[in-house]
């Protein structure tokens, strides 16, 4: 059984992991889109 504090800490770890994954996913998307955006800017500019 969890004591209250351990349960809360576990909950925080899960939330942090979700945010970490989200941030990593956004970073990867940004990295993959950057060349496309730069290419468009060069073509349009």
PDB file of N, CA and C in Angstrom:
ATOM      1  N   UNK A   1       0.836  -1.207   0.000  1.00  0.00           N
ATOM      2  CA  UNK A   1       0.000   0.000   0.000  1.00  0.00           C
ATOM      3  C   UNK A   1       0.871   1.257   0.000  1.00  0.00           C
ATOM      4  N   UNK A   2       0.363   2.288  -0.643  1.00  0.00           N
ATOM      5  CA  UNK A   2       1.092   3.547  -0.661  1.00  0.00           C
ATOM      6  C   UNK A   2       0.706   4.388   0.535  1.00  0.00           C
ATOM      7  N   UNK A   3       1.673   5.071   1.109  1.00  0.00           N
ATOM      8  CA  UNK A   3       1.325   6.146   2.030  1.00  0.00           C
ATOM      9  C   UNK A   3       0.955   7.334   1.148  1.00  0.00           C
ATOM     10  N   UNK A   4       0.328   8.342   1.709  1.00  0.00           N
ATOM     11  CA  UNK A   4      -0.140   9.470   0.910  1.00  0.00           C
ATOM     12  C   UNK A   4       0.982  10.138   0.147  1.00  0.00           C
ATOM     13  N   UNK A   5       2.126  10.346   0.811  1.00  0.00           N
ATOM     14  CA  UNK A   5       3.211  11.088   0.182  1.00  0.00           C
ATOM     15  C   UNK A   5       3.787  10.303  -0.996  1.00  0.00           C
ATOM     16  N   UNK A   6       4.000   8.992  -0.810  1.00  0.00           N
ATOM     17  CA  UNK A   6       4.543   8.167  -1.889  1.00  0.00           C
ATOM     18  C   UNK A   6       3.583   8.130  -3.073  1.00  0.00           C
ATOM     19  N   UNK A   7       2.296   8.024  -2.803  1.00  0.00           N
ATOM     20  CA  UNK A   7       1.307   8.004  -3.875  1.00  0.00           C
ATOM     21  C   UNK A   7       1.335   9.302  -4.651  1.00  0.00           C
ATOM     22  N   UNK A   8       1.462  10.406  -3.925  1.00  0.00           N
ATOM     23  CA  UNK A   8       1.497  11.717  -4.562  1.00  0.00           C
ATOM     24  C   UNK A   8       2.750  11.847  -5.424  1.00  0.00           C
ATOM     25  N   UNK A   9       3.867  11.355  -4.895  1.00  0.00           N
ATOM     26  CA  UNK A   9       5.121  11.441  -5.643  1.00  0.00           C
ATOM     27  C   UNK A   9       5.014  10.621  -6.928  1.00  0.00           C
ATOM     28  N   UNK A  10       4.417   9.444  -6.831  1.00  0.00           N
ATOM     29  CA  UNK A  10       4.233   8.591  -8.008  1.00  0.00           C
ATOM     30  C   UNK A  10       3.380   9.323  -9.045  1.00  0.00           C
ATOM     31  N   UNK A  11       2.312   9.967  -8.573  1.00  0.00           N
ATOM     32  CA  UNK A  11       1.425  10.724  -9.455  1.00  0.00           C
ATOM     33  C   UNK A  11       2.212  11.826 -10.169  1.00  0.00           C
ATOM     34  N   UNK A  12       3.046  12.531  -9.428  1.00  0.00           N
ATOM     35  CA  UNK A  12       3.850  13.609 -10.006  1.00  0.00           C
ATOM     36  C   UNK A  12       4.810  13.057 -11.054  1.00  0.00           C
ATOM     37  N   UNK A  13       5.419  11.908 -10.763  1.00  0.00           N
ATOM     38  CA  UNK A  13       6.341  11.296 -11.722  1.00  0.00           C
ATOM     39  C   UNK A  13       5.617  10.981 -13.026  1.00  0.00           C
ATOM     40  N   UNK A  14       4.406  10.449 -12.925  1.00  0.00           N
ATOM     41  CA  UNK A  14       3.634  10.111 -14.127  1.00  0.00           C
ATOM     42  C   UNK A  14       3.332  11.372 -14.927  1.00  0.00           C
ATOM     43  N   UNK A  15       2.911  12.432 -14.234  1.00  0.00           N
ATOM     44  CA  UNK A  15       2.585  13.691 -14.910  1.00  0.00           C
ATOM     45  C   UNK A  15       3.830  14.278 -15.573  1.00  0.00           C
ATOM     46  N   UNK A  16       4.952  14.261 -14.850  1.00  0.00           N
ATOM     47  CA  UNK A  16       6.196  14.799 -15.398  1.00  0.00           C
ATOM     48  C   UNK A  16       6.628  14.013 -16.630  1.00  0.00           C
ATOM     49  N   UNK A  17       6.463  12.691 -16.569  1.00  0.00           N
ATOM     50  CA  UNK A  17       6.843  11.856 -17.711  1.00  0.00           C
ATOM     51  C   UNK A  17       5.994  12.212 -18.932  1.00  0.00           C
ATOM     52  N   UNK A  18       4.691  12.434 -18.719  1.00  0.00           N
ATOM     53  CA  UNK A  18       3.811  12.809 -19.828  1.00  0.00           C
ATOM     54  C   UNK A  18       4.260  14.135 -20.434  1.00  0.00           C
ATOM     55  N   UNK A  19       4.560  15.127 -19.579  1.00  0.00           N
ATOM     56  CA  UNK A  19       4.990  16.433 -20.072  1.00  0.00           C
ATOM     57  C   UNK A  19       6.313  16.326 -20.806  1.00  0.00           C
ATOM     58  N   UNK A  20       7.222  15.479 -20.254  1.00  0.00           N
ATOM     59  CA  UNK A  20       8.529  15.291 -20.880  1.00  0.00           C
ATOM     60  C   UNK A  20       8.362  14.712 -22.282  1.00  0.00           C
ATOM     61  N   UNK A  21       7.505  13.691 -22.400  1.00  0.00           N
ATOM     62  CA  UNK A  21       7.259  13.084 -23.713  1.00  0.00           C
ATOM     63  C   UNK A  21       6.657  14.097 -24.672  1.00  0.00           C
ATOM     64  N   UNK A  22       5.725  14.912 -24.169  1.00  0.00           N
ATOM     65  CA  UNK A  22       5.082  15.925 -25.002  1.00  0.00           C
ATOM     66  C   UNK A  22       6.118  16.923 -25.514  1.00  0.00           C
ATOM     67  N   UNK A  23       6.994  17.380 -24.599  1.00  0.00           N
ATOM     68  CA  UNK A  23       8.029  18.345 -24.983  1.00  0.00           C
ATOM     69  C   UNK A  23       8.979  17.751 -26.010  1.00  0.00           C
ATOM     70  N   UNK A  24       9.368  16.501 -25.803  1.00  0.00           N
ATOM     71  CA  UNK A  24      10.271  15.834 -26.750  1.00  0.00           C
ATOM     72  C   UNK A  24       9.594  15.707 -28.113  1.00  0.00           C
ATOM     73  N   UNK A  25       8.324  15.339 -28.108  1.00  0.00           N
ATOM     74  CA  UNK A  25       7.582  15.208 -29.358  1.00  0.00           C
ATOM     75  C   UNK A  25       7.497  16.528 -30.104  1.00  0.00           C
ATOM     76  N   UNK A  26       7.214  17.606 -29.372  1.00  0.00           N
ATOM     77  CA  UNK A  26       7.127  18.935 -29.986  1.00  0.00           C
ATOM     78  C   UNK A  26       8.484  19.343 -30.552  1.00  0.00           C
ATOM     79  N   UNK A  27       9.549  19.052 -29.790  1.00  0.00           N
ATOM     80  CA  UNK A  27      10.900  19.397 -30.245  1.00  0.00           C
ATOM     81  C   UNK A  27      11.234  18.675 -31.544  1.00  0.00           C
ATOM     82  N   UNK A  28      10.911  17.381 -31.597  1.00  0.00           N
ATOM     83  CA  UNK A  28      11.195  16.599 -32.803  1.00  0.00           C
ATOM     84  C   UNK A  28      10.391  17.130 -33.988  1.00  0.00           C
ATOM     85  N   UNK A  29       9.130  17.480 -33.744  1.00  0.00           N
ATOM     86  CA  UNK A  29       8.305  18.037 -34.817  1.00  0.00           C
ATOM     87  C   UNK A  29       8.902  19.343 -35.319  1.00  0.00           C
ATOM     88  N   UNK A  30       9.311  20.198 -34.390  1.00  0.00           N
ATOM     89  CA  UNK A  30       9.899  21.484 -34.766  1.00  0.00           C
ATOM     90  C   UNK A  30      11.161  21.268 -35.592  1.00  0.00           C
ATOM     91  N   UNK A  31      11.993  20.319 -35.157  1.00  0.00           N
ATOM     92  CA  UNK A  31      13.234  20.038 -35.888  1.00  0.00           C
ATOM     93  C   UNK A  31      12.941  19.532 -37.294  1.00  0.00           C
ATOM     94  N   UNK A  32      11.910  18.709 -37.440  1.00  0.00           N
ATOM     95  CA  UNK A  32      11.609  18.152 -38.758  1.00  0.00           C
ATOM     96  C   UNK A  32      10.950  19.196 -39.664  1.00  0.00           C
ATOM     97  N   UNK A  33      10.236  20.162 -39.068  1.00  0.00           N
ATOM     98  CA  UNK A  33       9.566  21.176 -39.884  1.00  0.00           C
ATOM     99  C   UNK A  33      10.483  22.337 -40.253  1.00  0.00           C
ATOM    100  N   UNK A  34      11.536  22.569 -39.467  1.00  0.00           N
ATOM    101  CA  UNK A  34      12.409  23.724 -39.704  1.00  0.00           C
ATOM    102  C   UNK A  34      12.983  23.759 -41.119  1.00  0.00           C
ATOM    103  N   UNK A  35      13.544  22.652 -41.635  1.00  0.00           N
ATOM    104  CA  UNK A  35      14.071  22.692 -43.012  1.00  0.00           C
ATOM    105  C   UNK A  35      12.983  23.023 -44.040  1.00  0.00           C
ATOM    106  N   UNK A  36      11.782  22.501 -43.826  1.00  0.00           N
ATOM    107  CA  UNK A  36      10.681  22.791 -44.753  1.00  0.00           C
ATOM    108  C   UNK A  36      10.363  24.278 -44.747  1.00  0.00           C
ATOM    109  N   UNK A  37      10.280  24.859 -43.543  1.00  0.00           N
ATOM    110  CA  UNK A  37       9.952  26.280 -43.416  1.00  0.00           C
ATOM    111  C   UNK A  37      11.054  27.132 -44.041  1.00  0.00           C
ATOM    112  N   UNK A  38      12.315  26.768 -43.760  1.00  0.00           N
ATOM    113  CA  UNK A  38      13.433  27.521 -44.333  1.00  0.00           C
ATOM    114  C   UNK A  38      13.423  27.420 -45.855  1.00  0.00           C
ATOM    115  N   UNK A  39      13.096  26.242 -46.364  1.00  0.00           N
ATOM    116  CA  UNK A  39      13.022  26.060 -47.811  1.00  0.00           C
ATOM    117  C   UNK A  39      11.941  26.942 -48.417  1.00  0.00           C
ATOM    118  N   UNK A  40      10.779  26.995 -47.772  1.00  0.00           N
ATOM    119  CA  UNK A  40       9.685  27.837 -48.259  1.00  0.00           C
ATOM    120  C   UNK A  40      10.086  29.299 -48.238  1.00  0.00           C
ATOM    121  N   UNK A  41      10.755  29.717 -47.171  1.00  0.00           N
ATOM    122  CA  UNK A  41      11.183  31.119 -47.060  1.00  0.00           C
ATOM    123  C   UNK A  41      12.140  31.464 -48.193  1.00  0.00           C
ATOM    124  N   UNK A  42      13.061  30.553 -48.499  1.00  0.00           N
ATOM    125  CA  UNK A  42      14.017  30.808 -49.586  1.00  0.00           C
ATOM    126  C   UNK A  42      13.306  30.879 -50.930  1.00  0.00           C
ATOM    127  N   UNK A  43      12.338  29.984 -51.146  1.00  0.00           N
ATOM    128  CA  UNK A  43      11.602  29.966 -52.414  1.00  0.00           C
ATOM    129  C   UNK A  43      10.757  31.235 -52.556  1.00  0.00           C
ATOM    130  N   UNK A  44      10.021  31.578 -51.487  1.00  0.00           N
ATOM    131  CA  UNK A  44       9.126  32.729 -51.542  1.00  0.00           C
ATOM    132  C   UNK A  44       9.906  34.033 -51.487  1.00  0.00           C
ATOM    133  N   UNK A  45      11.014  34.046 -50.743  1.00  0.00           N
ATOM    134  CA  UNK A  45      11.791  35.274 -50.568  1.00  0.00           C
ATOM    135  C   UNK A  45      12.652  35.508 -51.786  1.00  0.00           C
TER     136      UNK A  45
END
